[in-house]
Amino acid sequence: MTEVQATPQTGKRVLLAKPRGYCAGVDRAVQTVEEALKLYGAPIYVRKQIVHNKHVVRTLEARGAIFVEENEEVPEGATVIFSAHGVAPEVYEQARARSLKAIDATCPLVTKVHQEAKRFAAEDYDILLIGHEGHEEVIGTAGEAPEHIQLVDGPEDADRITVRNPEKVVWLSQTTLSVDETMETVARLKKRLPMLQSPPSDDICYATSNRQHVVKEIAADCDVVLVVGSRNSSNSVRLVEVALDAGARAGHLIDYAAEIDDAWLAGARTVGLTSGASVPDELVMEVLDHLAARGFTDVEEVVTANERLTFSLPQELKRDMKAAAAAGRS
């Protein structure tokens, strides 16, 4: 961690976490909706929130995106985009039945977990899916092999699990969980199931891990940690929990700078600031302006990793973009 000195003028500082904000999967999903609006024109239908962020959804709605809960709400033959969190196979079947043009914006790291679930199910494993009940990503992954998958929602859930063959069981996880809590759950499971296998590679995504790691680095030095993110964003909620577990005196989740209560800052000398993986950085900059107006003018960016990963747009969208570009040149 970078050595940080408070300014003598105010003695108030901000420790700004990096990495923060958009991950590659979110960037790809938001771009998918933006490019689809440009290419096909409004309206474009999106099943569920494209990413779990209030500001992003409102911005895309203003451009002509219509967010729906299910395919039945999409007019027959229209274009529908599936969110970054992934969907179960039956959702694709429903789209085909309604002649919808489906564009899949599922994060490739979520797709990886889906592929793992299908492979282990084909080999007749019991699959213990660590995740939060009702979360869209969990519903999508479980839908790949419902007869083989049991949900484990936290360490306490581990004790109720029963499997057919203790020598043929594997755990997978939602990509946006707390790394520490997930490992605690795995440890509890392994006490009962010593032969429990791990996924071939870590299911918790690099961006979730990185954002939690830098928060752990700064938390103990902070009187309060502010996390920019929406309440239905699993990875954003986890960041507040991680900050508190790592020694922050207080932690708060906010969508916008205007939600900051001045009472949170009373007596504070050091504020930590980060954002969830579905948050555009402009919202973080607005929080910095808000804090600067209250004397927190010394900003030190604490960097623990540099993220360079990018994902290409969905194939079906790229194909249509290429065709449109070729038609424009002819």
C-alpha atoms as a PDB file:
ATOM      1  CA  MET A   1       0.000   0.000   0.000  1.00  0.00           C
ATOM      2  CA  THR A   2       1.124   3.527  -0.804  1.00  0.00           C
ATOM      3  CA  GLU A   3       2.300   5.637   2.136  1.00  0.00           C
ATOM      4  CA  VAL A   4      -0.239   8.415   2.596  1.00  0.00           C
ATOM      5  CA  GLN A   5       0.249  11.746   4.366  1.00  0.00           C
ATOM      6  CA  ALA A   6      -2.688  13.993   5.293  1.00  0.00           C
ATOM      7  CA  THR A   7      -2.444  17.613   4.185  1.00  0.00           C
ATOM      8  CA  PRO A   8      -1.592  20.059   6.943  1.00  0.00           C
ATOM      9  CA  GLN A   9      -4.362  22.431   5.783  1.00  0.00           C
ATOM     10  CA  THR A  10      -7.312  20.228   6.741  1.00  0.00           C
ATOM     11  CA  GLY A  11      -5.833  16.973   7.970  1.00  0.00           C
ATOM     12  CA  LYS A  12      -8.639  15.268   6.036  1.00  0.00           C
ATOM     13  CA  ARG A  13      -7.893  12.723   3.333  1.00  0.00           C
ATOM     14  CA  VAL A  14      -9.550  10.274   0.949  1.00  0.00           C
ATOM     15  CA  LEU A  15      -8.045   6.873   0.202  1.00  0.00           C
ATOM     16  CA  LEU A  16      -9.341   6.128  -3.298  1.00  0.00           C
ATOM     17  CA  ALA A  17      -9.298   2.424  -4.114  1.00  0.00           C
ATOM     18  CA  LYS A  18      -8.076   1.066  -7.425  1.00  0.00           C
ATOM     19  CA  PRO A  19      -9.243  -1.200  -9.016  1.00  0.00           C
ATOM     20  CA  ARG A  20     -12.815   0.019  -8.649  1.00  0.00           C
ATOM     21  CA  GLY A  21     -15.854   0.410 -10.890  1.00  0.00           C
ATOM     22  CA  TYR A  22     -16.516  -1.225 -14.241  1.00  0.00           C
ATOM     23  CA  CYS A  23     -15.135  -4.687 -14.863  1.00  0.00           C
ATOM     24  CA  ALA A  24     -14.698  -6.179 -18.341  1.00  0.00           C
ATOM     25  CA  GLY A  25     -17.993  -8.096 -18.197  1.00  0.00           C
ATOM     26  CA  VAL A  26     -20.019  -5.025 -17.223  1.00  0.00           C
ATOM     27  CA  ASP A  27     -18.298  -2.868 -19.837  1.00  0.00           C
ATOM     28  CA  ARG A  28     -19.152  -5.459 -22.508  1.00  0.00           C
ATOM     29  CA  ALA A  29     -22.788  -5.741 -21.380  1.00  0.00           C
ATOM     30  CA  VAL A  30     -23.416  -1.975 -21.328  1.00  0.00           C
ATOM     31  CA  GLN A  31     -21.670  -1.574 -24.690  1.00  0.00           C
ATOM     32  CA  THR A  32     -23.863  -4.347 -26.090  1.00  0.00           C
ATOM     33  CA  VAL A  33     -27.030  -2.377 -25.296  1.00  0.00           C
ATOM     34  CA  GLU A  34     -25.531   0.884 -26.596  1.00  0.00           C
ATOM     35  CA  GLU A  35     -24.390  -0.679 -29.884  1.00  0.00           C
ATOM     36  CA  ALA A  36     -27.698  -2.515 -30.339  1.00  0.00           C
ATOM     37  CA  LEU A  37     -29.603   0.778 -29.952  1.00  0.00           C
ATOM     38  CA  LYS A  38     -27.354   2.381 -32.577  1.00  0.00           C
ATOM     39  CA  LEU A  39     -27.623  -0.554 -34.972  1.00  0.00           C
ATOM     40  CA  TYR A  40     -31.273  -1.597 -34.711  1.00  0.00           C
ATOM     41  CA  GLY A  41     -32.796   1.577 -33.284  1.00  0.00           C
ATOM     42  CA  ALA A  42     -35.062   1.959 -30.253  1.00  0.00           C
ATOM     43  CA  PRO A  43     -36.698   0.239 -28.596  1.00  0.00           C
ATOM     44  CA  ILE A  44     -34.345  -2.551 -27.583  1.00  0.00           C
ATOM     45  CA  TYR A  45     -35.682  -4.894 -24.922  1.00  0.00           C
ATOM     46  CA  VAL A  46     -33.430  -6.104 -22.099  1.00  0.00           C
ATOM     47  CA  ARG A  47     -34.433  -9.047 -19.910  1.00  0.00           C
ATOM     48  CA  LYS A  48     -33.721  -8.047 -16.274  1.00  0.00           C
ATOM     49  CA  GLN A  49     -31.335  -5.190 -15.438  1.00  0.00           C
ATOM     50  CA  ILE A  50     -28.387  -5.407 -17.831  1.00  0.00           C
ATOM     51  CA  VAL A  51     -26.134  -4.846 -14.792  1.00  0.00           C
ATOM     52  CA  HIS A  52     -27.140  -4.169 -11.194  1.00  0.00           C
ATOM     53  CA  ASN A  53     -26.801  -0.400 -11.163  1.00  0.00           C
ATOM     54  CA  LYS A  54     -29.619   2.130 -10.910  1.00  0.00           C
ATOM     55  CA  HIS A  55     -27.769   4.902 -12.783  1.00  0.00           C
ATOM     56  CA  VAL A  56     -26.751   2.668 -15.715  1.00  0.00           C
ATOM     57  CA  VAL A  57     -30.298   1.359 -16.117  1.00  0.00           C
ATOM     58  CA  ARG A  58     -31.801   4.876 -16.043  1.00  0.00           C
ATOM     59  CA  THR A  59     -29.249   6.128 -18.583  1.00  0.00           C
ATOM     60  CA  LEU A  60     -29.980   3.282 -21.017  1.00  0.00           C
ATOM     61  CA  GLU A  61     -33.743   3.713 -20.544  1.00  0.00           C
ATOM     62  CA  ALA A  62     -33.345   7.353 -21.591  1.00  0.00           C
ATOM     63  CA  ARG A  63     -31.694   6.143 -24.822  1.00  0.00           C
ATOM     64  CA  GLY A  64     -34.516   3.745 -25.659  1.00  0.00           C
ATOM     65  CA  ALA A  65     -33.838   0.503 -23.796  1.00  0.00           C
ATOM     66  CA  ILE A  66     -36.892  -1.155 -22.249  1.00  0.00           C
ATOM     67  CA  PHE A  67     -36.180  -3.401 -19.271  1.00  0.00           C
ATOM     68  CA  VAL A  68     -38.523  -6.340 -18.731  1.00  0.00           C
ATOM     69  CA  GLU A  69     -38.646  -9.204 -16.267  1.00  0.00           C
ATOM     70  CA  GLU A  70     -39.475 -12.014 -18.703  1.00  0.00           C
ATOM     71  CA  ASN A  71     -39.488 -12.777 -22.437  1.00  0.00           C
ATOM     72  CA  GLU A  72     -43.313 -12.796 -22.448  1.00  0.00           C
ATOM     73  CA  GLU A  73     -43.207  -8.990 -22.105  1.00  0.00           C
ATOM     74  CA  VAL A  74     -41.217  -8.629 -25.349  1.00  0.00           C
ATOM     75  CA  PRO A  75     -43.264  -8.265 -28.566  1.00  0.00           C
ATOM     76  CA  GLU A  76     -42.916 -11.267 -30.891  1.00  0.00           C
ATOM     77  CA  GLY A  77     -40.038 -10.878 -33.348  1.00  0.00           C
ATOM     78  CA  ALA A  78     -38.375  -8.040 -31.386  1.00  0.00           C
ATOM     79  CA  THR A  79     -34.757  -7.878 -30.206  1.00  0.00           C
ATOM     80  CA  VAL A  80     -34.011  -8.897 -26.619  1.00  0.00           C
ATOM     81  CA  ILE A  81     -30.686  -8.740 -24.779  1.00  0.00           C
ATOM     82  CA  PHE A  82     -29.959 -11.116 -21.918  1.00  0.00           C
ATOM     83  CA  SER A  83     -28.216  -9.490 -18.957  1.00  0.00           C
ATOM     84  CA  ALA A  84     -24.609  -9.928 -17.800  1.00  0.00           C
ATOM     85  CA  HIS A  85     -25.734 -12.309 -15.034  1.00  0.00           C
ATOM     86  CA  GLY A  86     -26.632 -15.168 -17.379  1.00  0.00           C
ATOM     87  CA  VAL A  87     -29.826 -17.114 -17.975  1.00  0.00           C
ATOM     88  CA  ALA A  88     -31.001 -20.720 -17.769  1.00  0.00           C
ATOM     89  CA  PRO A  89     -31.421 -22.748 -21.006  1.00  0.00           C
ATOM     90  CA  GLU A  90     -35.220 -22.474 -20.781  1.00  0.00           C
ATOM     91  CA  VAL A  91     -34.942 -18.695 -21.308  1.00  0.00           C
ATOM     92  CA  TYR A  92     -33.340 -19.290 -24.723  1.00  0.00           C
ATOM     93  CA  GLU A  93     -36.134 -21.748 -25.567  1.00  0.00           C
ATOM     94  CA  GLN A  94     -38.769 -19.171 -24.604  1.00  0.00           C
ATOM     95  CA  ALA A  95     -37.075 -16.597 -26.854  1.00  0.00           C
ATOM     96  CA  ARG A  96     -37.059 -19.022 -29.792  1.00  0.00           C
ATOM     97  CA  ALA A  97     -40.743 -19.808 -29.235  1.00  0.00           C
ATOM     98  CA  ARG A  98     -41.548 -16.082 -29.525  1.00  0.00           C
ATOM     99  CA  SER A  99     -39.245 -15.598 -32.556  1.00  0.00           C
ATOM    100  CA  LEU A 100     -37.165 -13.093 -30.604  1.00  0.00           C
ATOM    101  CA  LYS A 101     -33.771 -11.978 -31.836  1.00  0.00           C
ATOM    102  CA  ALA A 102     -31.751 -12.829 -28.721  1.00  0.00           C
ATOM    103  CA  ILE A 103     -28.376 -11.258 -27.981  1.00  0.00           C
ATOM    104  CA  ASP A 104     -26.542 -12.825 -25.070  1.00  0.00           C
ATOM    105  CA  ALA A 105     -24.590 -10.288 -22.954  1.00  0.00           C
ATOM    106  CA  THR A 106     -23.732 -12.849 -20.257  1.00  0.00           C
ATOM    107  CA  CYS A 107     -20.303 -12.153 -18.758  1.00  0.00           C
ATOM    108  CA  PRO A 108     -17.848 -14.735 -20.157  1.00  0.00           C
ATOM    109  CA  LEU A 109     -16.734 -15.513 -16.589  1.00  0.00           C
ATOM    110  CA  VAL A 110     -20.330 -16.460 -15.721  1.00  0.00           C
ATOM    111  CA  THR A 111     -20.513 -18.530 -18.911  1.00  0.00           C
ATOM    112  CA  LYS A 112     -17.427 -20.397 -17.666  1.00  0.00           C
ATOM    113  CA  VAL A 113     -19.308 -21.426 -14.513  1.00  0.00           C
ATOM    114  CA  HIS A 114     -22.273 -22.558 -16.668  1.00  0.00           C
ATOM    115  CA  GLN A 115     -19.929 -24.735 -18.727  1.00  0.00           C
ATOM    116  CA  GLU A 116     -18.439 -26.229 -15.560  1.00  0.00           C
ATOM    117  CA  ALA A 117     -21.930 -27.029 -14.264  1.00  0.00           C
ATOM    118  CA  LYS A 118     -22.871 -28.775 -17.521  1.00  0.00           C
ATOM    119  CA  ARG A 119     -19.644 -30.779 -17.616  1.00  0.00           C
ATOM    120  CA  PHE A 120     -19.840 -31.991 -14.000  1.00  0.00           C
ATOM    121  CA  ALA A 121     -23.545 -32.818 -14.411  1.00  0.00           C
ATOM    122  CA  ALA A 122     -22.739 -34.858 -17.531  1.00  0.00           C
ATOM    123  CA  GLU A 123     -20.236 -36.807 -15.396  1.00  0.00           C
ATOM    124  CA  ASP A 124     -23.014 -37.355 -12.812  1.00  0.00           C
ATOM    125  CA  TYR A 125     -21.477 -35.282 -10.009  1.00  0.00           C
ATOM    126  CA  ASP A 126     -23.454 -33.669  -7.229  1.00  0.00           C
ATOM    127  CA  ILE A 127     -22.746 -29.931  -7.576  1.00  0.00           C
ATOM    128  CA  LEU A 128     -22.798 -27.623  -4.559  1.00  0.00           C
ATOM    129  CA  LEU A 129     -23.373 -24.090  -5.855  1.00  0.00           C
ATOM    130  CA  ILE A 130     -22.251 -21.493  -3.318  1.00  0.00           C
ATOM    131  CA  GLY A 131     -24.296 -18.341  -3.801  1.00  0.00           C
ATOM    132  CA  HIS A 132     -27.244 -16.211  -2.737  1.00  0.00           C
ATOM    133  CA  GLU A 133     -30.731 -17.612  -3.158  1.00  0.00           C
ATOM    134  CA  GLY A 134     -32.762 -15.696  -5.732  1.00  0.00           C
ATOM    135  CA  HIS A 135     -29.783 -13.940  -7.345  1.00  0.00           C
ATOM    136  CA  GLU A 136     -30.123 -13.931 -11.145  1.00  0.00           C
ATOM    137  CA  GLU A 137     -26.700 -15.466 -11.665  1.00  0.00           C
ATOM    138  CA  VAL A 138     -27.511 -18.365  -9.311  1.00  0.00           C
ATOM    139  CA  ILE A 139     -30.861 -18.977 -11.041  1.00  0.00           C
ATOM    140  CA  GLY A 140     -29.124 -19.081 -14.435  1.00  0.00           C
ATOM    141  CA  THR A 141     -26.347 -21.446 -13.333  1.00  0.00           C
ATOM    142  CA  ALA A 142     -28.704 -23.759 -11.447  1.00  0.00           C
ATOM    143  CA  GLY A 143     -30.894 -23.936 -14.551  1.00  0.00           C
ATOM    144  CA  GLU A 144     -28.086 -25.649 -16.459  1.00  0.00           C
ATOM    145  CA  ALA A 145     -28.379 -28.810 -14.325  1.00  0.00           C
ATOM    146  CA  PRO A 146     -31.240 -28.518 -11.814  1.00  0.00           C
ATOM    147  CA  GLU A 147     -31.216 -32.234 -10.930  1.00  0.00           C
ATOM    148  CA  HIS A 148     -27.538 -32.099  -9.941  1.00  0.00           C
ATOM    149  CA  ILE A 149     -27.212 -28.691  -8.239  1.00  0.00           C
ATOM    150  CA  GLN A 150     -27.862 -27.779  -4.607  1.00  0.00           C
ATOM    151  CA  LEU A 151     -27.547 -24.187  -3.424  1.00  0.00           C
ATOM    152  CA  VAL A 152     -25.329 -23.459  -0.430  1.00  0.00           C
ATOM    153  CA  ASP A 153     -26.147 -19.954   0.807  1.00  0.00           C
ATOM    154  CA  GLY A 154     -23.308 -19.220   3.247  1.00  0.00           C
ATOM    155  CA  PRO A 155     -21.340 -21.271   5.812  1.00  0.00           C
ATOM    156  CA  GLU A 156     -24.398 -22.046   7.969  1.00  0.00           C
ATOM    157  CA  ASP A 157     -26.047 -23.754   5.001  1.00  0.00           C
ATOM    158  CA  ALA A 158     -23.183 -26.249   4.671  1.00  0.00           C
ATOM    159  CA  ASP A 159     -24.427 -28.515   7.473  1.00  0.00           C
ATOM    160  CA  ARG A 160     -27.741 -29.388   5.802  1.00  0.00           C
ATOM    161  CA  ILE A 161     -26.235 -30.673   2.538  1.00  0.00           C
ATOM    162  CA  THR A 162     -26.744 -34.315   1.560  1.00  0.00           C
ATOM    163  CA  VAL A 163     -25.148 -35.957  -1.483  1.00  0.00           C
ATOM    164  CA  ARG A 164     -25.555 -39.299  -3.232  1.00  0.00           C
ATOM    165  CA  ASN A 165     -21.853 -40.148  -3.356  1.00  0.00           C
ATOM    166  CA  PRO A 166     -19.405 -38.275  -1.076  1.00  0.00           C
ATOM    167  CA  GLU A 167     -16.583 -39.198  -3.458  1.00  0.00           C
ATOM    168  CA  LYS A 168     -18.261 -37.558  -6.446  1.00  0.00           C
ATOM    169  CA  VAL A 169     -19.098 -34.007  -5.392  1.00  0.00           C
ATOM    170  CA  VAL A 170     -17.755 -30.622  -6.522  1.00  0.00           C
ATOM    171  CA  TRP A 171     -18.356 -27.020  -5.480  1.00  0.00           C
ATOM    172  CA  LEU A 172     -18.893 -24.063  -7.832  1.00  0.00           C
ATOM    173  CA  SER A 173     -19.744 -20.483  -6.883  1.00  0.00           C
ATOM    174  CA  GLN A 174     -21.485 -17.304  -7.890  1.00  0.00           C
ATOM    175  CA  THR A 175     -18.836 -14.963  -9.320  1.00  0.00           C
ATOM    176  CA  THR A 176     -19.566 -11.940  -7.091  1.00  0.00           C
ATOM    177  CA  LEU A 177     -19.251 -13.370  -3.576  1.00  0.00           C
ATOM    178  CA  SER A 178     -17.006 -12.453  -0.681  1.00  0.00           C
ATOM    179  CA  VAL A 179     -13.811 -14.428  -1.211  1.00  0.00           C
ATOM    180  CA  ASP A 180     -13.334 -14.965   2.535  1.00  0.00           C
ATOM    181  CA  GLU A 181     -16.894 -16.090   3.192  1.00  0.00           C
ATOM    182  CA  THR A 182     -16.784 -18.460   0.227  1.00  0.00           C
ATOM    183  CA  MET A 183     -13.606 -20.077   1.529  1.00  0.00           C
ATOM    184  CA  GLU A 184     -15.232 -20.360   4.967  1.00  0.00           C
ATOM    185  CA  THR A 185     -18.196 -22.130   3.358  1.00  0.00           C
ATOM    186  CA  VAL A 186     -15.869 -24.482   1.470  1.00  0.00           C
ATOM    187  CA  ALA A 187     -13.988 -25.293   4.687  1.00  0.00           C
ATOM    188  CA  ARG A 188     -17.289 -26.151   6.428  1.00  0.00           C
ATOM    189  CA  LEU A 189     -18.316 -28.343   3.499  1.00  0.00           C
ATOM    190  CA  LYS A 190     -14.972 -30.165   3.489  1.00  0.00           C
ATOM    191  CA  LYS A 191     -15.354 -31.092   7.159  1.00  0.00           C
ATOM    192  CA  ARG A 192     -18.394 -33.151   6.163  1.00  0.00           C
ATOM    193  CA  LEU A 193     -17.241 -34.038   2.643  1.00  0.00           C
ATOM    194  CA  PRO A 194     -13.438 -34.547   2.682  1.00  0.00           C
ATOM    195  CA  MET A 195     -13.438 -35.638  -0.992  1.00  0.00           C
ATOM    196  CA  LEU A 196     -15.148 -32.422  -2.147  1.00  0.00           C
ATOM    197  CA  GLN A 197     -13.529 -31.247  -5.384  1.00  0.00           C
ATOM    198  CA  SER A 198     -12.837 -27.626  -6.293  1.00  0.00           C
ATOM    199  CA  PRO A 199     -13.614 -26.009  -9.655  1.00  0.00           C
ATOM    200  CA  PRO A 200     -10.796 -26.235 -12.250  1.00  0.00           C
ATOM    201  CA  SER A 201     -10.190 -22.490 -11.790  1.00  0.00           C
ATOM    202  CA  ASP A 202     -11.489 -19.922  -9.338  1.00  0.00           C
ATOM    203  CA  ASP A 203     -15.157 -19.060  -9.996  1.00  0.00           C
ATOM    204  CA  ILE A 204     -15.114 -15.751  -8.104  1.00  0.00           C
ATOM    205  CA  CYS A 205     -14.214 -13.276 -10.806  1.00  0.00           C
ATOM    206  CA  TYR A 206     -10.919 -11.403 -10.892  1.00  0.00           C
ATOM    207  CA  ALA A 207     -12.686  -8.039 -10.570  1.00  0.00           C
ATOM    208  CA  THR A 208     -14.606  -9.057  -7.447  1.00  0.00           C
ATOM    209  CA  SER A 209     -11.407 -10.385  -5.843  1.00  0.00           C
ATOM    210  CA  ASN A 210      -9.370  -7.322  -6.815  1.00  0.00           C
ATOM    211  CA  ARG A 211     -11.946  -4.840  -5.478  1.00  0.00           C
ATOM    212  CA  GLN A 212     -12.170  -6.710  -2.187  1.00  0.00           C
ATOM    213  CA  HIS A 213      -8.376  -6.913  -1.876  1.00  0.00           C
ATOM    214  CA  VAL A 214      -7.771  -3.166  -2.199  1.00  0.00           C
ATOM    215  CA  VAL A 215     -10.591  -2.427   0.274  1.00  0.00           C
ATOM    216  CA  LYS A 216      -8.883  -4.734   2.780  1.00  0.00           C
ATOM    217  CA  GLU A 217      -5.685  -2.719   2.256  1.00  0.00           C
ATOM    218  CA  ILE A 218      -7.260   0.625   3.125  1.00  0.00           C
ATOM    219  CA  ALA A 219     -10.040  -0.293   5.565  1.00  0.00           C
ATOM    220  CA  ALA A 220      -8.087  -0.264   8.843  1.00  0.00           C
ATOM    221  CA  ASP A 221      -6.927   3.321   8.154  1.00  0.00           C
ATOM    222  CA  CYS A 222     -10.465   4.582   7.489  1.00  0.00           C
ATOM    223  CA  ASP A 223     -12.976   6.186   9.810  1.00  0.00           C
ATOM    224  CA  VAL A 224     -15.611   5.480   7.171  1.00  0.00           C
ATOM    225  CA  VAL A 225     -15.620   3.636   3.835  1.00  0.00           C
ATOM    226  CA  LEU A 226     -18.062   4.739   1.143  1.00  0.00           C
ATOM    227  CA  VAL A 227     -18.950   2.193  -1.537  1.00  0.00           C
ATOM    228  CA  VAL A 228     -20.718   3.525  -4.628  1.00  0.00           C
ATOM    229  CA  GLY A 229     -23.128   0.861  -5.843  1.00  0.00           C
ATOM    230  CA  SER A 230     -26.748  -0.269  -5.854  1.00  0.00           C
ATOM    231  CA  ARG A 231     -28.394  -2.379  -3.176  1.00  0.00           C
ATOM    232  CA  ASN A 232     -29.171  -5.231  -5.567  1.00  0.00           C
ATOM    233  CA  SER A 233     -25.490  -5.412  -6.593  1.00  0.00           C
ATOM    234  CA  SER A 234     -24.040  -8.418  -4.784  1.00  0.00           C
ATOM    235  CA  ASN A 235     -20.410  -7.383  -5.274  1.00  0.00           C
ATOM    236  CA  SER A 236     -21.118  -3.823  -4.018  1.00  0.00           C
ATOM    237  CA  VAL A 237     -22.868  -5.064  -0.873  1.00  0.00           C
ATOM    238  CA  ARG A 238     -19.914  -7.415  -0.248  1.00  0.00           C
ATOM    239  CA  LEU A 239     -17.464  -4.485  -0.414  1.00  0.00           C
ATOM    240  CA  VAL A 240     -19.141  -2.810   2.568  1.00  0.00           C
ATOM    241  CA  GLU A 241     -18.995  -6.084   4.505  1.00  0.00           C
ATOM    242  CA  VAL A 242     -15.329  -6.608   3.588  1.00  0.00           C
ATOM    243  CA  ALA A 243     -14.455  -3.042   4.692  1.00  0.00           C
ATOM    244  CA  LEU A 244     -16.073  -3.540   8.091  1.00  0.00           C
ATOM    245  CA  ASP A 245     -14.482  -6.978   8.562  1.00  0.00           C
ATOM    246  CA  ALA A 246     -11.070  -5.495   7.683  1.00  0.00           C
ATOM    247  CA  GLY A 247     -11.246  -2.763  10.333  1.00  0.00           C
ATOM    248  CA  ALA A 248     -13.121   0.232   8.933  1.00  0.00           C
ATOM    249  CA  ARG A 249     -14.982   2.032  11.708  1.00  0.00           C
ATOM    250  CA  ALA A 250     -18.069   2.458   9.493  1.00  0.00           C
ATOM    251  CA  GLY A 251     -19.167   1.589   5.960  1.00  0.00           C
ATOM    252  CA  HIS A 252     -22.020   2.802   3.749  1.00  0.00           C
ATOM    253  CA  LEU A 253     -23.428   1.856   0.334  1.00  0.00           C
ATOM    254  CA  ILE A 254     -24.658   4.759  -1.816  1.00  0.00           C
ATOM    255  CA  ASP A 255     -25.894   5.185  -5.383  1.00  0.00           C
ATOM    256  CA  TYR A 256     -25.142   8.919  -5.564  1.00  0.00           C
ATOM    257  CA  ALA A 257     -23.111  11.565  -3.712  1.00  0.00           C
ATOM    258  CA  ALA A 258     -26.340  13.245  -2.611  1.00  0.00           C
ATOM    259  CA  GLU A 259     -27.106  10.224  -0.393  1.00  0.00           C
ATOM    260  CA  ILE A 260     -24.092  10.897   1.857  1.00  0.00           C
ATOM    261  CA  ASP A 261     -25.205  11.914   5.323  1.00  0.00           C
ATOM    262  CA  ASP A 262     -22.895  14.600   6.755  1.00  0.00           C
ATOM    263  CA  ALA A 263     -23.244  12.888  10.152  1.00  0.00           C
ATOM    264  CA  TRP A 264     -21.191   9.986   8.710  1.00  0.00           C
ATOM    265  CA  LEU A 265     -18.272  12.377   8.180  1.00  0.00           C
ATOM    266  CA  ALA A 266     -18.475  14.112  11.556  1.00  0.00           C
ATOM    267  CA  GLY A 267     -15.095  13.736  13.256  1.00  0.00           C
ATOM    268  CA  ALA A 268     -13.702  11.639  10.400  1.00  0.00           C
ATOM    269  CA  ARG A 269     -10.134  12.274   9.240  1.00  0.00           C
ATOM    270  CA  THR A 270      -9.841   9.501   6.625  1.00  0.00           C
ATOM    271  CA  VAL A 271     -12.551   8.368   4.213  1.00  0.00           C
ATOM    272  CA  GLY A 272     -12.106   5.299   2.008  1.00  0.00           C
ATOM    273  CA  LEU A 273     -13.840   5.372  -1.366  1.00  0.00           C
ATOM    274  CA  THR A 274     -14.488   2.598  -3.866  1.00  0.00           C
ATOM    275  CA  SER A 275     -17.235   1.375  -6.196  1.00  0.00           C
ATOM    276  CA  GLY A 276     -18.801  -1.880  -7.288  1.00  0.00           C
ATOM    277  CA  ALA A 277     -18.037  -3.553 -10.603  1.00  0.00           C
ATOM    278  CA  SER A 278     -21.147  -2.134 -12.321  1.00  0.00           C
ATOM    279  CA  VAL A 279     -20.561   1.530 -11.411  1.00  0.00           C
ATOM    280  CA  PRO A 280     -19.385   4.157 -13.937  1.00  0.00           C
ATOM    281  CA  ASP A 281     -16.485   6.221 -12.594  1.00  0.00           C
ATOM    282  CA  GLU A 282     -18.332   9.522 -13.078  1.00  0.00           C
ATOM    283  CA  LEU A 283     -20.357   8.657  -9.951  1.00  0.00           C
ATOM    284  CA  VAL A 284     -17.144   8.205  -7.941  1.00  0.00           C
ATOM    285  CA  MET A 285     -15.844  11.568  -9.190  1.00  0.00           C
ATOM    286  CA  GLU A 286     -19.073  13.204  -7.978  1.00  0.00           C
ATOM    287  CA  VAL A 287     -18.465  11.716  -4.528  1.00  0.00           C
ATOM    288  CA  LEU A 288     -14.897  13.099  -4.555  1.00  0.00           C
ATOM    289  CA  ASP A 289     -16.289  16.573  -5.357  1.00  0.00           C
ATOM    290  CA  HIS A 290     -18.822  16.201  -2.534  1.00  0.00           C
ATOM    291  CA  LEU A 291     -16.076  15.215  -0.076  1.00  0.00           C
ATOM    292  CA  ALA A 292     -13.742  18.001  -1.251  1.00  0.00           C
ATOM    293  CA  ALA A 293     -16.480  20.544  -0.494  1.00  0.00           C
ATOM    294  CA  ARG A 294     -16.416  19.215   3.078  1.00  0.00           C
ATOM    295  CA  GLY A 295     -12.664  19.553   3.506  1.00  0.00           C
ATOM    296  CA  PHE A 296     -11.491  16.155   2.250  1.00  0.00           C
ATOM    297  CA  THR A 297      -9.155  17.627  -0.349  1.00  0.00           C
ATOM    298  CA  ASP A 298      -6.151  15.298  -0.078  1.00  0.00           C
ATOM    299  CA  VAL A 299      -6.834  12.309  -2.355  1.00  0.00           C
ATOM    300  CA  GLU A 300      -4.449   9.379  -2.534  1.00  0.00           C
ATOM    301  CA  GLU A 301      -5.199   6.591  -5.009  1.00  0.00           C
ATOM    302  CA  VAL A 302      -4.205   3.236  -3.520  1.00  0.00           C
ATOM    303  CA  VAL A 303      -3.451   0.742  -6.302  1.00  0.00           C
ATOM    304  CA  THR A 304      -3.151  -3.003  -5.711  1.00  0.00           C
ATOM    305  CA  ALA A 305      -3.671  -4.291  -9.276  1.00  0.00           C
ATOM    306  CA  ASN A 306      -3.879  -3.046 -12.852  1.00  0.00           C
ATOM    307  CA  GLU A 307      -6.711  -4.610 -14.839  1.00  0.00           C
ATOM    308  CA  ARG A 308      -6.280  -4.943 -18.592  1.00  0.00           C
ATOM    309  CA  LEU A 309      -8.777  -7.680 -19.465  1.00  0.00           C
ATOM    310  CA  THR A 310     -11.366  -6.875 -22.128  1.00  0.00           C
ATOM    311  CA  PHE A 311     -14.105  -8.992 -23.698  1.00  0.00           C
ATOM    312  CA  SER A 312     -15.327  -8.729 -27.276  1.00  0.00           C
ATOM    313  CA  LEU A 313     -18.993  -8.030 -28.004  1.00  0.00           C
ATOM    314  CA  PRO A 314     -21.446 -10.949 -28.479  1.00  0.00           C
ATOM    315  CA  GLN A 315     -20.940 -12.751 -31.797  1.00  0.00           C
ATOM    316  CA  GLU A 316     -24.505 -12.193 -33.041  1.00  0.00           C
ATOM    317  CA  LEU A 317     -24.160  -8.423 -32.547  1.00  0.00           C
ATOM    318  CA  LYS A 318     -20.679  -8.258 -34.112  1.00  0.00           C
ATOM    319  CA  ARG A 319     -21.985 -10.149 -37.148  1.00  0.00           C
ATOM    320  CA  ASP A 320     -24.812  -7.642 -37.686  1.00  0.00           C
ATOM    321  CA  MET A 321     -22.478  -4.672 -37.121  1.00  0.00           C
ATOM    322  CA  LYS A 322     -20.095  -6.052 -39.733  1.00  0.00           C
ATOM    323  CA  ALA A 323     -22.938  -6.614 -42.225  1.00  0.00           C
ATOM    324  CA  ALA A 324     -24.255  -3.069 -41.657  1.00  0.00           C
ATOM    325  CA  ALA A 325     -20.769  -1.619 -42.163  1.00  0.00           C
ATOM    326  CA  ALA A 326     -20.331  -3.601 -45.400  1.00  0.00           C
ATOM    327  CA  ALA A 327     -23.742  -2.449 -46.684  1.00  0.00           C
ATOM    328  CA  GLY A 328     -22.800   1.144 -45.896  1.00  0.00           C
ATOM    329  CA  ARG A 329     -19.633   0.871 -47.991  1.00  0.00           C
ATOM    330  CA  SER A 330     -21.349  -0.729 -51.001  1.00  0.00           C
END
